[in-house]
Structures are given as structure tokens and as C-alpha cells.
């Protein structure tokens, strides 16, 4: 994935921009639609909670990004194009970087949908992303056929930790390992089904004392 007249690979720059602790699920070179037939070379990066559209050159920069929970629709009425729509009425149209690269666009949808499933194992995909229209539907059939997991297969407390991390990222709040551990361990061992905020008041005191 090279561009901008540079001989350097932007992959290292992507890691530097996103941070070493960000889990990258997929990197795909694409063309970002700019209106009419105009496109710009970009790289789509799918992480655990967000989709990034980044420059395909060095130094690498983030052009756009949105959280999975901000997606209102994923539309791909033909194999050579996918459009993401967000809750703030913005649209991002993507095309393959090279001719015949339609499957890479499908891989973006599949990777994102699988990530959502991992975060919310007990929820149908369309309860998180309201509209998914892909033609022909067989391109993402494997994801659409995913059923919610049984409670016993979700992990401690219905997969609480993954959802907690997701919402921390969404609201730009710090992820507290203590919260995840308490729920996954103490709540789970006591078969507790109600989250009490008073159980975590000591964390606010720890912050004020530092």
C-alpha cells in the first residue's frame, strides 16, 4: 500500500497514529469517493470499536473515523461500492483500490460485523446497526446468519467487559480494569444480575487522591 510519491509503507505510520495498544483487525487500500467520479486513495483501518479512513502516504493522517455505534446504515447495492452512513448524516463511499478488488470491500463489512458480534454476543446485528443492505446478500450471508449466543457462551456476565470497553471508547472515557475485574469475577461468582454504582465509588476516591 504505497502512494503520494513516497517509497515508504504507511503501515508503520498507522500504528504510530493509532497507538500501540489499539488492536487492528483489518487494513485495506481503497478509493474514497469525493463526488462525481472523483476519488482519493485512502486506507481503511478497522479496529475493535472504530473504522478509520486514513491517508495512503507518509506521514499518515486520519481523514475520518467513526465508532461502530455511530453507524446508521451500511449499503452496498453493487459489489464495487460500499457506503457507510452515520448518525450525523455523513456518508463515506468506498470503492476498490484496484480493479477486481471487490472482495476487499466485502471483507471490511464482514470484519466490522464480526467485531460488533464479539462486543454484543447476545444481540442481533441489526439491533446495533439499523440498516444493512448488501446486494447480492450472499456476500455477507455468513454474518447475517449469526444468531445471538446462548448466555453460557457469552463469557462472564453476558460479555460485560467487551461492552464496557466499547462504551468507554464511544464516550471517550478511561477504561478501568478494576471495574471489568469486579464484574467478571465478583458479580459472576455471586450470580449478581444488577449493577450497583455504589460498588465502584471507591474508584472516584482513588482518582481524587492521585
Protein backbone atom coordinates (compact mmCIF):
# COMPACT_ATOMS: atom_id res chain seq x y z
CA UNK A 1 0.00 0.00 0.00
CA UNK A 2 2.03 2.89 -1.28
CA UNK A 3 1.10 6.29 -2.52
CA UNK A 4 1.81 10.01 -2.51
CA UNK A 5 5.09 9.51 -4.36
CA UNK A 6 6.74 8.08 -1.24
CA UNK A 7 8.70 4.82 -1.15
CA UNK A 8 7.76 4.28 2.48
CA UNK A 9 4.99 1.95 3.61
CA UNK A 10 2.37 3.82 5.66
CA UNK A 11 1.70 0.79 7.89
CA UNK A 12 4.20 1.93 10.50
CA UNK A 13 2.67 5.40 10.46
CA UNK A 14 -0.79 3.90 11.04
CA UNK A 15 0.48 2.12 14.14
CA UNK A 16 2.06 5.33 15.42
CA UNK A 17 -1.09 7.38 14.85
CA UNK A 18 -3.50 4.87 16.42
CA UNK A 19 -1.20 3.88 19.27
CA UNK A 20 0.49 0.60 20.05
CA UNK A 21 -2.38 -0.61 22.25
CA UNK A 22 -5.03 -0.29 19.53
CA UNK A 23 -5.92 -3.68 18.09
CA UNK A 24 -6.01 -3.50 14.30
CA UNK A 25 -8.37 -6.07 12.77
CA UNK A 26 -8.01 -5.12 9.10
CA UNK A 27 -6.15 -2.73 6.81
CA UNK A 28 -7.39 -2.29 3.23
CA UNK A 29 -6.38 0.14 0.50
CA UNK A 30 -9.47 1.78 -1.02
CA UNK A 31 -10.63 4.73 -3.07
CA UNK A 32 -12.73 7.28 -1.16
CA UNK A 33 -15.47 8.89 -3.24
CA UNK A 34 -15.24 12.68 -3.38
CA UNK A 35 -18.26 13.47 -5.57
CA UNK A 36 -19.00 12.54 -9.15
CA UNK A 37 -16.30 10.21 -10.44
CA UNK A 38 -13.55 11.74 -8.31
CA UNK A 39 -11.82 9.52 -5.75
CA UNK A 40 -8.81 9.73 -3.45
CA UNK A 41 -6.52 6.88 -2.44
CA UNK A 42 -7.04 6.01 1.20
CA UNK A 43 -6.57 3.16 3.69
CA UNK A 44 -9.46 1.80 5.72
CA UNK A 45 -8.45 0.50 9.13
CA UNK A 46 -10.93 -1.48 11.19
CA UNK A 47 -10.16 -1.66 14.91
CA UNK A 48 -12.07 -3.21 17.78
CA UNK A 49 -14.55 -0.32 18.04
CA UNK A 50 -13.98 2.10 15.15
CA UNK A 51 -13.46 2.41 11.43
CA UNK A 52 -10.72 4.81 10.31
CA UNK A 53 -10.16 6.28 6.85
CA UNK A 54 -6.51 7.31 6.64
CA UNK A 55 -4.20 8.87 4.06
CA UNK A 56 -2.26 6.41 1.94
CA UNK A 57 1.06 8.18 2.29
CA UNK A 58 3.74 9.10 4.80
CA UNK A 59 3.24 10.75 7.22
CA UNK A 60 -0.08 9.01 7.68
CA UNK A 61 -3.04 11.03 8.96
CA UNK A 62 -6.62 10.26 9.95
CA UNK A 63 -9.08 11.73 7.45
CA UNK A 64 -12.26 10.40 9.04
CA UNK A 65 -13.26 7.98 11.74
CA UNK A 66 -16.47 6.82 13.35
CA UNK A 67 -17.47 4.43 16.10
CA UNK A 68 -19.48 1.32 15.27
CA UNK A 69 -22.31 2.69 17.41
CA UNK A 70 -22.45 5.78 15.17
CA UNK A 71 -23.25 3.75 12.04
CA UNK A 72 -26.85 4.11 10.90
CA UNK A 73 -26.52 2.15 7.64
CA UNK A 74 -24.18 0.04 5.54
CA UNK A 75 -25.23 -0.03 1.89
CA UNK A 76 -23.64 -1.90 -0.99
CA UNK A 77 -26.07 -2.21 -3.87
CA UNK A 78 -23.29 -3.46 -6.16
CA UNK A 79 -20.05 -5.33 -5.42
CA UNK A 80 -17.77 -2.42 -6.38
CA UNK A 81 -19.00 0.07 -3.83
CA UNK A 82 -19.91 0.29 -0.15
CA UNK A 83 -21.38 3.32 1.60
CA UNK A 84 -21.30 3.90 5.35
CA UNK A 85 -23.85 6.32 6.78
CA UNK A 86 -23.51 7.72 10.27
CA UNK A 87 -25.96 9.11 12.80
CA UNK A 88 -24.89 12.69 11.99
CA UNK A 89 -25.98 12.21 8.33
CA UNK A 90 -22.47 11.91 6.91
CA UNK A 91 -21.73 9.39 4.16
CA UNK A 92 -18.49 7.67 3.19
CA UNK A 93 -18.45 5.90 -0.16
CA UNK A 94 -15.65 3.42 -0.82
CA UNK A 95 -14.51 1.66 -3.96
CA UNK A 96 -11.80 -0.96 -4.52
CA UNK A 97 -8.26 0.40 -4.81
CA UNK A 98 -7.61 -1.88 -7.79
CA UNK A 99 -9.83 -3.43 -10.41
CA UNK A 100 -11.18 -6.75 -9.21
CA UNK A 101 -10.77 -5.85 -5.55
CA UNK A 102 -14.47 -6.12 -4.74
CA UNK A 103 -13.88 -8.86 -2.18
CA UNK A 104 -11.78 -6.50 -0.09
CA UNK A 105 -14.82 -4.25 0.35
CA UNK A 106 -16.81 -7.28 1.48
CA UNK A 107 -14.04 -8.04 3.94
CA UNK A 108 -14.45 -4.60 5.50
CA UNK A 109 -18.15 -5.28 6.10
CA UNK A 110 -17.53 -8.81 7.39
CA UNK A 111 -14.73 -7.72 9.73
CA UNK A 112 -16.77 -4.86 11.15
CA UNK A 113 -19.87 -7.02 11.58
CA UNK A 114 -17.88 -9.76 13.30
CA UNK A 115 -16.35 -7.20 15.65
CA UNK A 116 -19.83 -5.96 16.58
CA UNK A 117 -20.89 -9.55 17.23
CA UNK A 118 -17.90 -10.05 19.54
CA UNK A 119 -18.82 -6.91 21.51
CA UNK A 120 -22.53 -7.75 21.76
CA UNK A 121 -22.72 -11.56 21.60
CA UNK A 122 -26.33 -11.65 22.73
CA UNK A 123 -27.69 -9.06 20.29
CA UNK A 124 -28.74 -9.33 16.65
CA UNK A 125 -26.58 -7.28 14.28
CA UNK A 126 -29.45 -5.10 13.07
CA UNK A 127 -30.15 -4.05 16.65
CA UNK A 128 -26.75 -2.32 16.65
CA UNK A 129 -26.58 -1.18 13.01
CA UNK A 130 -30.18 -0.40 11.94
CA UNK A 131 -29.78 -0.90 8.20
CA UNK A 132 -27.53 -3.30 6.31
CA UNK A 133 -28.30 -3.62 2.59
CA UNK A 134 -25.87 -5.70 0.56
CA UNK A 135 -26.70 -6.96 -2.94
CA UNK A 136 -26.43 -9.85 -3.53
CA UNK A 137 -26.93 -10.76 0.10
CA UNK A 138 -24.80 -13.91 -0.20
CA UNK A 139 -21.71 -11.67 0.00
CA UNK A 140 -22.23 -11.36 3.76
CA UNK A 141 -24.55 -14.31 4.35
CA UNK A 142 -22.26 -15.83 6.98
CA UNK A 143 -22.58 -12.74 9.16
CA UNK A 144 -26.31 -12.27 8.71
CA UNK A 145 -26.90 -15.88 9.74
CA UNK A 146 -25.13 -15.36 13.07
CA UNK A 147 -27.58 -15.87 15.91
CA UNK A 148 -27.16 -14.44 19.41
CA UNK A 149 -25.04 -16.70 21.59
CA UNK A 150 -26.51 -18.58 24.50
CA UNK A 151 -25.80 -16.93 27.84
CA UNK A 152 -23.42 -19.72 28.82
CA UNK A 153 -21.26 -18.97 25.74
CA UNK A 154 -21.03 -15.19 26.18
CA UNK A 155 -18.43 -15.10 28.90
CA UNK A 156 -18.85 -13.67 32.41
CA UNK A 157 -21.99 -11.57 32.90
CA UNK A 158 -23.08 -11.69 29.27
CA UNK A 159 -19.78 -10.40 27.92
CA UNK A 160 -19.82 -7.29 30.12
CA UNK A 161 -16.13 -6.42 29.71
CA UNK A 162 -16.26 -6.14 25.92
CA UNK A 163 -19.34 -3.91 26.08
CA UNK A 164 -17.86 -1.80 28.87
CA UNK A 165 -14.70 -1.23 26.78
CA UNK A 166 -16.84 -0.36 23.76
CA UNK A 167 -18.82 2.31 25.59
CA UNK A 168 -15.69 3.74 27.22
CA UNK A 169 -14.29 4.25 23.73
CA UNK A 170 -17.57 5.67 22.46
CA UNK A 171 -17.81 8.28 25.24
CA UNK A 172 -14.04 8.86 25.38
CA UNK A 173 -13.88 7.69 28.98
CA UNK A 174 -10.98 5.81 30.59
CA UNK A 175 -11.32 2.05 30.74
CA UNK A 176 -10.89 0.87 34.32
CA UNK A 177 -9.55 -2.65 34.71
CA UNK A 178 -10.91 -2.70 38.27
CA UNK A 179 -14.49 -2.32 37.02
CA UNK A 180 -14.13 -5.13 34.50
CA UNK A 181 -12.47 -7.41 37.06
CA UNK A 182 -15.09 -6.77 39.74
CA UNK A 183 -17.96 -7.57 37.37
CA UNK A 184 -16.31 -10.53 35.65
CA UNK A 185 -15.12 -12.05 38.92
CA UNK A 186 -17.16 -10.93 41.94
CA UNK A 187 -20.50 -10.32 40.23
CA UNK A 188 -20.13 -13.52 38.24
CA UNK A 189 -19.22 -15.66 41.26
CA UNK A 190 -22.23 -14.32 43.20
CA UNK A 191 -24.57 -14.66 40.20
CA UNK A 192 -25.44 -10.97 40.53
CA UNK A 193 -27.69 -9.59 37.79
CA UNK A 194 -27.91 -5.93 38.82
CA UNK A 195 -25.07 -3.44 38.52
CA UNK A 196 -24.76 -1.15 41.54
CA UNK A 197 -22.79 2.07 41.01
CA UNK A 198 -22.11 2.26 44.74
CA UNK A 199 -19.83 -0.76 44.33
CA UNK A 200 -17.42 1.46 42.41
CA UNK A 201 -17.46 4.68 44.44
CA UNK A 202 -14.01 3.89 45.79
CA UNK A 203 -12.59 4.32 42.27
CA UNK A 204 -13.54 8.02 42.29
CA UNK A 205 -11.72 8.40 45.60
CA UNK A 206 -8.63 6.75 44.11
CA UNK A 207 -8.65 9.28 41.26
CA UNK A 208 -9.02 12.30 43.58
CA UNK A 209 -6.12 11.11 45.74
CA UNK A 210 -3.69 10.77 42.85
